[in-house]
Amino acid sequence: MGWEAVWQLALKQYGAETVEMRILILLLAAFLVLMVLIGLKHAFRSAEPRPSPAPIPTAPKPQPVRVKMPMRRATRKCAKRTIRRQMAPRPSIRRAQLPSPS
């Protein structure tokens, strides 16, 4: 049995699987290829020390002067007018002044 027969048998078995299993097999194969490539990259990388990143300055850089514009606020409305505009105004009750007992 040669490699060609092995590949034909593998493709025949792959074709018999459900769609979910096919997707899972492809994802696992892609993950395997990615791990192999990352391993090869690290295997052939030189062992020379790398320069450290630039140190972070402790003092903040001076910022340009910014003028803060005053924010305009919306005028507040009375809640009674905004809630029921079509409603007739409530009558005001005026009571007669009783004579004070003296």
Protein backbone atom coordinates (compact mmCIF):
# COMPACT_ATOMS: atom_id res chain seq x y z
CA MET A 1 0.00 0.00 0.00
CA GLY A 2 1.56 3.31 -1.13
CA TRP A 3 0.98 6.87 -0.03
CA GLU A 4 -1.47 7.43 -2.85
CA ALA A 5 -3.71 4.68 -1.52
CA VAL A 6 -3.46 6.14 2.00
CA TRP A 7 -4.55 9.58 0.74
CA GLN A 8 -7.44 8.07 -1.23
CA LEU A 9 -8.60 6.17 1.86
CA ALA A 10 -8.32 9.31 4.02
CA LEU A 11 -10.30 11.42 1.53
CA LYS A 12 -12.92 8.67 1.27
CA GLN A 13 -13.28 8.62 5.07
CA TYR A 14 -13.35 12.45 5.19
CA GLY A 15 -16.17 12.55 2.62
CA ALA A 16 -18.26 10.15 4.70
CA GLU A 17 -18.21 12.44 7.76
CA THR A 18 -20.96 14.93 8.66
CA VAL A 19 -20.54 18.63 7.86
CA GLU A 20 -19.82 19.51 11.50
CA MET A 21 -17.05 16.92 11.71
CA ARG A 22 -15.56 18.14 8.41
CA ILE A 23 -15.39 21.69 9.77
CA LEU A 24 -13.85 20.45 13.02
CA ILE A 25 -11.24 18.41 11.13
CA LEU A 26 -10.34 21.41 8.96
CA LEU A 27 -10.00 23.67 12.02
CA LEU A 28 -7.78 21.14 13.78
CA ALA A 29 -5.63 20.76 10.66
CA ALA A 30 -5.26 24.55 10.34
CA PHE A 31 -4.31 24.79 14.04
CA LEU A 32 -1.72 22.04 13.58
CA VAL A 33 -0.19 23.80 10.56
CA LEU A 34 -0.08 27.08 12.48
CA MET A 35 1.65 25.47 15.47
CA VAL A 36 4.22 23.81 13.19
CA LEU A 37 5.00 27.14 11.50
CA ILE A 38 5.38 28.93 14.84
CA GLY A 39 7.61 26.13 16.10
CA LEU A 40 9.82 26.36 13.01
CA LYS A 41 10.04 30.13 13.41
CA HIS A 42 11.21 29.79 17.01
CA ALA A 43 13.58 26.94 16.16
CA PHE A 44 15.48 28.96 13.58
CA ARG A 45 15.46 32.28 15.41
CA SER A 46 18.85 33.48 16.55
CA ALA A 47 19.61 33.48 20.25
CA GLU A 48 21.08 36.99 20.22
CA PRO A 49 19.74 39.32 22.89
CA ARG A 50 17.15 41.74 21.59
CA PRO A 51 17.30 45.45 22.44
CA SER A 52 14.91 46.45 25.18
CA PRO A 53 12.13 48.88 24.32
CA ALA A 54 12.70 52.58 24.99
CA PRO A 55 12.17 53.56 28.63
CA ILE A 56 9.00 55.41 29.47
CA PRO A 57 9.72 59.01 30.50
CA THR A 58 8.62 59.82 34.03
CA ALA A 59 7.83 63.52 33.51
CA PRO A 60 4.87 64.27 31.24
CA LYS A 61 5.52 66.31 28.14
CA PRO A 62 4.21 69.88 28.24
CA GLN A 63 0.85 70.17 26.54
CA PRO A 64 -0.27 73.13 24.45
CA VAL A 65 -2.56 75.62 26.18
CA ARG A 66 -6.18 74.79 25.50
CA VAL A 67 -9.03 77.20 26.03
CA LYS A 68 -12.09 75.56 27.52
CA MET A 69 -15.25 76.79 25.93
CA PRO A 70 -18.21 77.22 28.29
CA MET A 71 -20.86 74.62 27.66
CA ARG A 72 -24.38 75.79 27.02
CA ARG A 73 -27.02 73.97 28.95
CA ALA A 74 -30.54 73.48 27.74
CA THR A 75 -33.20 75.43 29.56
CA ARG A 76 -35.33 73.18 31.70
CA LYS A 77 -39.04 73.00 31.04
CA CYS A 78 -41.78 72.65 33.56
CA ALA A 79 -42.80 68.99 33.80
CA LYS A 80 -46.52 69.77 33.89
CA ARG A 81 -46.48 71.53 30.54
CA THR A 82 -44.39 68.93 28.77
CA ILE A 83 -46.33 65.92 30.02
CA ARG A 84 -49.93 66.94 29.23
CA ARG A 85 -50.08 69.86 26.85
CA GLN A 86 -53.65 69.20 25.66
CA MET A 87 -55.09 68.95 29.16
CA ALA A 88 -57.12 71.92 30.38
CA PRO A 89 -55.58 73.81 33.26
CA ARG A 90 -56.83 72.87 36.69
CA PRO A 91 -59.19 75.36 38.27
CA SER A 92 -57.80 77.35 41.14
CA ILE A 93 -60.07 77.32 44.19
CA ARG A 94 -60.46 80.66 45.90
CA ARG A 95 -61.96 80.50 49.32
CA ALA A 96 -63.64 83.39 50.93
CA GLN A 97 -61.81 84.94 53.80
CA LEU A 98 -63.60 84.27 57.05
CA PRO A 99 -63.84 87.14 59.48
CA SER A 100 -61.37 86.69 62.26
CA PRO A 101 -62.88 86.34 65.77
CA SER A 102 -61.84 89.30 67.85
